Amino acid sequence: MILSNFELREPNHTIELVGLGHNWDLHNFAEFEGLEVNAGQNHATLRWRVPDVENPWGSLNNAFRGCALVFSGLRALSMTPHDPDHATEDRDLADVSKVTPEPGEYRTRERWSPGEPFNLRFEFQSGRAIEVAAERAELVGIE
C-alpha cells in the first residue's frame, strides 16, 4: 500500500497520523464515524469527527472538523466483532498499525523497507478491528 499524503507517527500501535501539515490524534477527541465501501469505485473510506474544542487533533493549527482515510484499489477488507461488554467504545480508536498481508500471530515490524507490502489495521477500544488492504490510502481533511 502507498500512503499518498500521510504517515503513521510510529509503524505500530500509534494513534497519530502525520499529513497535510498537521498531526491527527485519532484517539483523544476524535470519534470514529464509520466505514463506507463503494463497490463501483472499488474504494473504502473510514471517517472521524472531532468536537468543537481547542486543539482536538494535537496540532494547534489544525482547524479541520473531521478527516477521512480513503483507500483506493481495494484488495481486501475485514472486520472483527466487538466485545459486547464494550460495544459503546466502537467509536474510540485504540491504535493503528502497519501489518504484514499474510495472516499470523506476529505481523508488525519496527522497520518497513520502501515498497514492502503492508495492510493497515485499526483496533478500537471495543475490541473490534478493521483491516484494509489496498493499493493506496489518502488522508482527506473535512471542513
N, C-alpha and C. Protein backbone atom coordinates (compact mmCIF):
# COMPACT_ATOMS: atom_id res chain seq x y z
N MET A 1 0.85 -1.17 0.00
CA MET A 1 0.00 0.00 0.00
C MET A 1 0.90 1.24 0.00
N ILE A 2 0.45 2.23 -0.71
CA ILE A 2 1.14 3.52 -0.73
C ILE A 2 0.33 4.49 0.11
N LEU A 3 0.96 5.11 1.08
CA LEU A 3 0.33 6.18 1.86
C LEU A 3 0.66 7.47 1.13
N SER A 4 -0.30 7.99 0.36
CA SER A 4 0.00 9.05 -0.60
C SER A 4 0.35 10.39 0.04
N ASN A 5 -0.26 10.76 1.16
CA ASN A 5 -0.01 12.09 1.70
C ASN A 5 0.05 12.11 3.24
N PHE A 6 0.33 10.98 3.85
CA PHE A 6 0.45 10.92 5.30
C PHE A 6 1.32 9.73 5.69
N GLU A 7 1.69 9.72 6.95
CA GLU A 7 2.43 8.60 7.55
C GLU A 7 1.85 8.33 8.93
N LEU A 8 2.12 7.17 9.45
CA LEU A 8 1.79 6.89 10.84
C LEU A 8 2.91 7.48 11.70
N ARG A 9 2.58 8.04 12.85
CA ARG A 9 3.61 8.59 13.74
C ARG A 9 4.63 7.50 14.07
N GLU A 10 4.17 6.30 14.34
CA GLU A 10 5.00 5.12 14.57
C GLU A 10 4.38 3.99 13.74
N PRO A 11 5.17 3.02 13.29
CA PRO A 11 4.58 1.97 12.46
C PRO A 11 3.66 1.02 13.22
N ASN A 12 3.78 0.98 14.56
CA ASN A 12 2.99 0.04 15.37
C ASN A 12 2.28 0.75 16.51
N HIS A 13 1.02 0.42 16.67
CA HIS A 13 0.24 0.83 17.83
C HIS A 13 0.29 2.34 18.08
N THR A 14 0.10 3.11 17.04
CA THR A 14 0.07 4.56 17.18
C THR A 14 -1.38 5.04 17.17
N ILE A 15 -1.57 6.27 17.59
CA ILE A 15 -2.89 6.89 17.49
C ILE A 15 -2.83 8.15 16.63
N GLU A 16 -1.63 8.45 16.09
CA GLU A 16 -1.45 9.69 15.34
C GLU A 16 -1.05 9.44 13.89
N LEU A 17 -1.68 10.22 13.02
CA LEU A 17 -1.26 10.31 11.63
C LEU A 17 -0.54 11.64 11.47
N VAL A 18 0.38 11.71 10.53
CA VAL A 18 1.09 12.94 10.23
C VAL A 18 0.90 13.19 8.73
N GLY A 19 0.21 14.28 8.40
CA GLY A 19 -0.02 14.58 7.00
C GLY A 19 -0.77 15.89 6.83
N LEU A 20 -0.75 16.41 5.64
CA LEU A 20 -1.39 17.69 5.30
C LEU A 20 -0.87 18.82 6.20
N GLY A 21 0.37 18.67 6.67
CA GLY A 21 0.98 19.70 7.50
C GLY A 21 0.55 19.67 8.96
N HIS A 22 -0.11 18.59 9.39
CA HIS A 22 -0.64 18.51 10.75
C HIS A 22 -0.42 17.13 11.36
N ASN A 23 -0.55 17.08 12.69
CA ASN A 23 -0.71 15.82 13.40
C ASN A 23 -2.21 15.59 13.56
N TRP A 24 -2.61 14.33 13.49
CA TRP A 24 -4.02 13.96 13.60
C TRP A 24 -4.13 12.88 14.69
N ASP A 25 -4.46 13.29 15.91
CA ASP A 25 -4.64 12.37 17.02
C ASP A 25 -6.03 11.75 16.89
N LEU A 26 -6.09 10.48 16.53
CA LEU A 26 -7.38 9.83 16.29
C LEU A 26 -7.95 9.16 17.53
N HIS A 27 -7.36 9.42 18.70
CA HIS A 27 -7.80 8.74 19.91
C HIS A 27 -8.48 9.67 20.91
N ASN A 28 -7.87 10.78 21.25
CA ASN A 28 -8.32 11.56 22.40
C ASN A 28 -9.68 12.24 22.21
N PHE A 29 -9.86 13.01 21.15
CA PHE A 29 -11.14 13.67 20.92
C PHE A 29 -11.89 13.09 19.72
N ALA A 30 -11.16 12.55 18.79
CA ALA A 30 -11.78 12.07 17.55
C ALA A 30 -12.68 10.87 17.81
N GLU A 31 -13.83 10.89 17.17
CA GLU A 31 -14.75 9.76 17.24
C GLU A 31 -14.88 9.16 15.85
N PHE A 32 -14.72 7.85 15.78
CA PHE A 32 -14.86 7.13 14.53
C PHE A 32 -16.33 7.17 14.13
N GLU A 33 -16.60 7.65 12.91
CA GLU A 33 -17.97 7.73 12.42
C GLU A 33 -18.39 6.50 11.65
N GLY A 34 -17.44 5.83 11.03
CA GLY A 34 -17.83 4.63 10.33
C GLY A 34 -17.00 4.33 9.10
N LEU A 35 -17.38 3.26 8.49
CA LEU A 35 -16.72 2.70 7.32
C LEU A 35 -17.74 2.66 6.18
N GLU A 36 -17.31 3.13 5.03
CA GLU A 36 -18.17 3.09 3.84
C GLU A 36 -17.40 2.41 2.72
N VAL A 37 -18.07 1.51 2.02
CA VAL A 37 -17.45 0.83 0.88
C VAL A 37 -18.21 1.22 -0.37
N ASN A 38 -17.47 1.63 -1.40
CA ASN A 38 -18.06 1.94 -2.69
C ASN A 38 -17.59 0.88 -3.67
N ALA A 39 -18.42 -0.12 -3.90
CA ALA A 39 -18.04 -1.25 -4.76
C ALA A 39 -17.79 -0.80 -6.20
N GLY A 40 -18.58 0.14 -6.68
CA GLY A 40 -18.43 0.60 -8.06
C GLY A 40 -17.09 1.26 -8.32
N GLN A 41 -16.58 1.98 -7.34
CA GLN A 41 -15.28 2.65 -7.48
C GLN A 41 -14.15 1.85 -6.83
N ASN A 42 -14.50 0.75 -6.20
CA ASN A 42 -13.53 -0.13 -5.53
C ASN A 42 -12.68 0.63 -4.52
N HIS A 43 -13.38 1.40 -3.65
CA HIS A 43 -12.67 2.07 -2.57
C HIS A 43 -13.46 2.00 -1.27
N ALA A 44 -12.76 2.23 -0.18
CA ALA A 44 -13.37 2.26 1.15
C ALA A 44 -12.93 3.53 1.85
N THR A 45 -13.78 4.05 2.74
CA THR A 45 -13.49 5.27 3.46
C THR A 45 -13.78 5.06 4.94
N LEU A 46 -12.83 5.45 5.78
CA LEU A 46 -13.00 5.49 7.23
C LEU A 46 -13.03 6.95 7.62
N ARG A 47 -14.02 7.35 8.47
CA ARG A 47 -14.18 8.76 8.83
C ARG A 47 -14.14 8.98 10.34
N TRP A 48 -13.55 10.13 10.72
CA TRP A 48 -13.53 10.57 12.12
C TRP A 48 -14.01 12.01 12.18
N ARG A 49 -14.61 12.39 13.32
CA ARG A 49 -15.04 13.77 13.61
C ARG A 49 -14.53 14.15 14.99
N VAL A 50 -14.33 15.45 15.19
CA VAL A 50 -13.93 15.94 16.50
C VAL A 50 -14.93 16.99 16.96
N PRO A 51 -15.09 17.15 18.28
CA PRO A 51 -15.98 18.20 18.79
C PRO A 51 -15.31 19.56 18.65
N ASP A 52 -16.07 20.59 18.87
CA ASP A 52 -15.55 21.95 18.78
C ASP A 52 -14.86 22.30 20.10
N VAL A 53 -13.61 21.83 20.23
CA VAL A 53 -12.80 22.11 21.41
C VAL A 53 -11.44 22.61 20.94
N GLU A 54 -10.69 23.20 21.85
CA GLU A 54 -9.37 23.70 21.49
C GLU A 54 -8.41 22.53 21.26
N ASN A 55 -7.73 22.54 20.13
CA ASN A 55 -6.68 21.57 19.79
C ASN A 55 -7.14 20.11 19.84
N PRO A 56 -8.22 19.75 19.16
CA PRO A 56 -8.70 18.37 19.24
C PRO A 56 -7.79 17.35 18.56
N TRP A 57 -6.95 17.79 17.63
CA TRP A 57 -6.11 16.86 16.87
C TRP A 57 -4.70 16.74 17.44
N GLY A 58 -4.33 17.57 18.40
CA GLY A 58 -2.95 17.56 18.87
C GLY A 58 -2.05 18.39 17.97
N SER A 59 -2.63 19.26 17.18
CA SER A 59 -1.90 20.15 16.28
C SER A 59 -2.64 21.48 16.29
N LEU A 60 -2.06 22.50 16.93
CA LEU A 60 -2.77 23.75 17.19
C LEU A 60 -3.35 24.43 15.95
N ASN A 61 -2.72 24.30 14.81
CA ASN A 61 -3.21 24.97 13.60
C ASN A 61 -4.18 24.13 12.79
N ASN A 62 -4.50 22.95 13.25
CA ASN A 62 -5.41 22.07 12.50
C ASN A 62 -6.85 22.45 12.83
N ALA A 63 -7.52 23.12 11.89
CA ALA A 63 -8.89 23.59 12.09
C ALA A 63 -9.93 22.67 11.48
N PHE A 64 -9.52 21.53 10.92
CA PHE A 64 -10.49 20.61 10.31
C PHE A 64 -11.40 20.01 11.38
N ARG A 65 -12.66 19.82 11.05
CA ARG A 65 -13.65 19.24 11.97
C ARG A 65 -13.68 17.72 11.86
N GLY A 66 -13.05 17.20 10.84
CA GLY A 66 -13.02 15.75 10.66
C GLY A 66 -11.95 15.37 9.66
N CYS A 67 -11.79 14.08 9.51
CA CYS A 67 -10.86 13.58 8.50
C CYS A 67 -11.36 12.23 7.99
N ALA A 68 -10.87 11.87 6.84
CA ALA A 68 -11.21 10.58 6.24
C ALA A 68 -9.95 9.96 5.69
N LEU A 69 -9.90 8.66 5.76
CA LEU A 69 -8.87 7.90 5.06
C LEU A 69 -9.58 7.19 3.92
N VAL A 70 -9.17 7.51 2.70
CA VAL A 70 -9.79 6.95 1.51
C VAL A 70 -8.82 5.93 0.92
N PHE A 71 -9.27 4.69 0.83
CA PHE A 71 -8.47 3.59 0.32
C PHE A 71 -8.95 3.26 -1.09
N SER A 72 -8.06 3.39 -2.06
CA SER A 72 -8.42 3.07 -3.45
C SER A 72 -7.69 1.81 -3.88
N GLY A 73 -8.23 1.16 -4.92
CA GLY A 73 -7.66 -0.11 -5.34
C GLY A 73 -7.82 -1.15 -4.24
N LEU A 74 -9.00 -1.20 -3.68
CA LEU A 74 -9.28 -2.07 -2.55
C LEU A 74 -9.04 -3.54 -2.92
N ARG A 75 -8.22 -4.21 -2.11
CA ARG A 75 -7.91 -5.62 -2.33
C ARG A 75 -8.65 -6.52 -1.36
N ALA A 76 -8.72 -6.08 -0.10
CA ALA A 76 -9.41 -6.86 0.94
C ALA A 76 -9.79 -5.94 2.07
N LEU A 77 -10.85 -6.31 2.75
CA LEU A 77 -11.34 -5.56 3.89
C LEU A 77 -11.92 -6.56 4.87
N SER A 78 -11.48 -6.48 6.12
CA SER A 78 -12.04 -7.39 7.12
C SER A 78 -12.35 -6.62 8.39
N MET A 79 -13.33 -7.14 9.12
CA MET A 79 -13.73 -6.51 10.37
C MET A 79 -14.07 -7.61 11.36
N THR A 80 -13.54 -7.47 12.57
CA THR A 80 -13.84 -8.43 13.62
C THR A 80 -15.00 -7.90 14.45
N PRO A 81 -15.68 -8.77 15.18
CA PRO A 81 -16.76 -8.29 16.05
C PRO A 81 -16.19 -7.57 17.27
N HIS A 82 -17.04 -6.78 17.92
CA HIS A 82 -16.63 -6.12 19.15
C HIS A 82 -16.99 -6.99 20.35
N ASP A 83 -16.38 -6.68 21.46
CA ASP A 83 -16.73 -7.33 22.72
C ASP A 83 -18.06 -6.72 23.17
N PRO A 84 -19.11 -7.52 23.34
CA PRO A 84 -20.42 -6.96 23.71
C PRO A 84 -20.40 -6.14 24.99
N ASP A 85 -19.49 -6.43 25.91
CA ASP A 85 -19.39 -5.67 27.14
C ASP A 85 -18.77 -4.29 26.92
N HIS A 86 -18.18 -4.07 25.75
CA HIS A 86 -17.53 -2.79 25.46
C HIS A 86 -18.04 -2.18 24.15
N ALA A 87 -19.23 -2.55 23.75
CA ALA A 87 -19.78 -2.09 22.47
C ALA A 87 -19.88 -0.57 22.38
N THR A 88 -20.03 0.10 23.51
CA THR A 88 -20.14 1.56 23.48
C THR A 88 -18.82 2.22 23.11
N GLU A 89 -17.74 1.44 23.04
CA GLU A 89 -16.43 2.00 22.73
C GLU A 89 -16.02 1.75 21.27
N ASP A 90 -17.00 1.44 20.42
CA ASP A 90 -16.73 1.23 18.99
C ASP A 90 -16.21 2.49 18.30
N ARG A 91 -16.45 3.66 18.85
CA ARG A 91 -16.04 4.92 18.23
C ARG A 91 -14.64 5.35 18.64
N ASP A 92 -14.05 4.65 19.62
CA ASP A 92 -12.77 5.05 20.18
C ASP A 92 -11.63 4.21 19.62
N LEU A 93 -10.79 4.81 18.81
CA LEU A 93 -9.64 4.11 18.25
C LEU A 93 -8.61 3.85 19.36
N ALA A 94 -8.15 2.62 19.44
CA ALA A 94 -7.09 2.27 20.39
C ALA A 94 -5.73 2.41 19.72
N ASP A 95 -5.61 1.92 18.49
CA ASP A 95 -4.35 2.08 17.76
C ASP A 95 -4.51 1.68 16.30
N VAL A 96 -3.52 2.11 15.52
CA VAL A 96 -3.42 1.72 14.12
C VAL A 96 -1.98 1.27 13.88
N SER A 97 -1.84 0.21 13.09
CA SER A 97 -0.51 -0.36 12.81
C SER A 97 -0.41 -0.81 11.36
N LYS A 98 0.82 -0.77 10.87
CA LYS A 98 1.12 -1.46 9.62
C LYS A 98 1.29 -2.93 9.98
N VAL A 99 0.67 -3.81 9.19
CA VAL A 99 0.81 -5.25 9.43
C VAL A 99 1.12 -5.95 8.11
N THR A 100 1.79 -7.09 8.22
CA THR A 100 2.08 -7.87 7.02
C THR A 100 0.78 -8.38 6.42
N PRO A 101 0.71 -8.53 5.10
CA PRO A 101 -0.51 -9.02 4.48
C PRO A 101 -0.83 -10.49 4.82
N GLU A 102 0.20 -11.26 5.14
CA GLU A 102 -0.02 -12.66 5.45
C GLU A 102 -0.58 -12.81 6.86
N PRO A 103 -1.51 -13.74 7.06
CA PRO A 103 -2.04 -13.95 8.41
C PRO A 103 -0.98 -14.54 9.33
N GLY A 104 -1.16 -14.37 10.60
CA GLY A 104 -0.22 -14.92 11.57
C GLY A 104 -0.28 -14.15 12.87
N GLU A 105 0.48 -14.61 13.82
CA GLU A 105 0.44 -14.01 15.14
C GLU A 105 1.26 -12.73 15.24
N TYR A 106 2.43 -12.71 14.62
CA TYR A 106 3.34 -11.56 14.73
C TYR A 106 3.44 -10.87 13.38
N ARG A 107 2.62 -9.83 13.18
CA ARG A 107 2.52 -9.22 11.87
C ARG A 107 3.07 -7.81 11.81
N THR A 108 3.46 -7.24 12.94
CA THR A 108 4.03 -5.88 12.94
C THR A 108 5.54 -5.96 12.83
N ARG A 109 6.14 -4.86 12.41
CA ARG A 109 7.60 -4.75 12.30
C ARG A 109 8.01 -3.37 12.79
N GLU A 110 9.20 -3.30 13.30
CA GLU A 110 9.73 -2.00 13.74
C GLU A 110 10.13 -1.13 12.55
N ARG A 111 10.59 -1.76 11.47
CA ARG A 111 11.02 -1.04 10.27
C ARG A 111 10.41 -1.69 9.03
N TRP A 112 10.01 -0.84 8.11
CA TRP A 112 9.45 -1.29 6.84
C TRP A 112 10.33 -0.74 5.73
N SER A 113 10.75 -1.61 4.83
CA SER A 113 11.53 -1.19 3.68
C SER A 113 10.62 -0.51 2.67
N PRO A 114 11.13 0.45 1.91
CA PRO A 114 10.32 1.08 0.87
C PRO A 114 9.79 0.02 -0.10
N GLY A 115 8.54 0.10 -0.41
CA GLY A 115 7.92 -0.83 -1.35
C GLY A 115 7.49 -2.15 -0.73
N GLU A 116 7.80 -2.37 0.53
CA GLU A 116 7.40 -3.61 1.19
C GLU A 116 5.89 -3.59 1.44
N PRO A 117 5.18 -4.64 1.04
CA PRO A 117 3.71 -4.62 1.17
C PRO A 117 3.26 -4.67 2.62
N PHE A 118 2.18 -3.93 2.91
CA PHE A 118 1.57 -3.94 4.23
C PHE A 118 0.09 -3.60 4.12
N ASN A 119 -0.65 -3.96 5.14
CA ASN A 119 -2.04 -3.55 5.32
C ASN A 119 -2.08 -2.59 6.50
N LEU A 120 -3.17 -1.86 6.63
CA LEU A 120 -3.38 -1.04 7.82
C LEU A 120 -4.46 -1.71 8.67
N ARG A 121 -4.15 -1.84 9.97
CA ARG A 121 -5.08 -2.47 10.91
C ARG A 121 -5.44 -1.44 11.98
N PHE A 122 -6.74 -1.19 12.13
CA PHE A 122 -7.29 -0.24 13.09
C PHE A 122 -7.95 -1.04 14.21
N GLU A 123 -7.49 -0.84 15.43
CA GLU A 123 -8.08 -1.54 16.57
C GLU A 123 -8.78 -0.52 17.45
N PHE A 124 -9.96 -0.89 17.92
CA PHE A 124 -10.79 0.00 18.70
C PHE A 124 -10.90 -0.46 20.15
N GLN A 125 -11.26 0.45 21.04
CA GLN A 125 -11.38 0.14 22.46
C GLN A 125 -12.37 -0.99 22.71
N SER A 126 -13.31 -1.18 21.82
CA SER A 126 -14.34 -2.21 21.96
C SER A 126 -13.83 -3.61 21.62
N GLY A 127 -12.60 -3.70 21.14
CA GLY A 127 -12.08 -4.99 20.70
C GLY A 127 -12.27 -5.22 19.21
N ARG A 128 -13.05 -4.39 18.55
CA ARG A 128 -13.26 -4.51 17.10
C ARG A 128 -11.97 -4.12 16.39
N ALA A 129 -11.70 -4.77 15.26
CA ALA A 129 -10.57 -4.41 14.41
C ALA A 129 -11.04 -4.34 12.96
N ILE A 130 -10.51 -3.36 12.24
CA ILE A 130 -10.77 -3.24 10.80
C ILE A 130 -9.41 -3.28 10.13
N GLU A 131 -9.26 -4.17 9.16
CA GLU A 131 -8.01 -4.26 8.41
C GLU A 131 -8.29 -4.00 6.94
N VAL A 132 -7.45 -3.16 6.35
CA VAL A 132 -7.63 -2.75 4.96
C VAL A 132 -6.38 -3.08 4.16
N ALA A 133 -6.58 -3.77 3.05
CA ALA A 133 -5.54 -3.99 2.05
C ALA A 133 -5.96 -3.24 0.79
N ALA A 134 -5.12 -2.32 0.34
CA ALA A 134 -5.46 -1.50 -0.82
C ALA A 134 -4.18 -1.07 -1.51
N GLU A 135 -4.33 -0.56 -2.72
CA GLU A 135 -3.17 -0.04 -3.45
C GLU A 135 -2.68 1.28 -2.85
N ARG A 136 -3.63 2.12 -2.40
CA ARG A 136 -3.28 3.47 -1.98
C ARG A 136 -4.22 3.93 -0.87
N ALA A 137 -3.69 4.76 0.04
CA ALA A 137 -4.50 5.41 1.07
C ALA A 137 -4.20 6.90 1.04
N GLU A 138 -5.25 7.71 1.16
CA GLU A 138 -5.11 9.16 1.15
C GLU A 138 -5.84 9.74 2.35
N LEU A 139 -5.21 10.70 3.02
CA LEU A 139 -5.82 11.44 4.12
C LEU A 139 -6.53 12.66 3.55
N VAL A 140 -7.78 12.86 3.94
CA VAL A 140 -8.58 13.99 3.47
C VAL A 140 -9.10 14.73 4.68
N GLY A 141 -8.87 16.05 4.74
CA GLY A 141 -9.43 16.87 5.80
C GLY A 141 -10.87 17.22 5.48
N ILE A 142 -11.73 17.22 6.49
CA ILE A 142 -13.15 17.54 6.34
C ILE A 142 -13.45 18.83 7.08
N GLU A 143 -13.98 19.81 6.35
CA GLU A 143 -14.32 21.12 6.96
C GLU A 143 -15.48 20.98 7.91
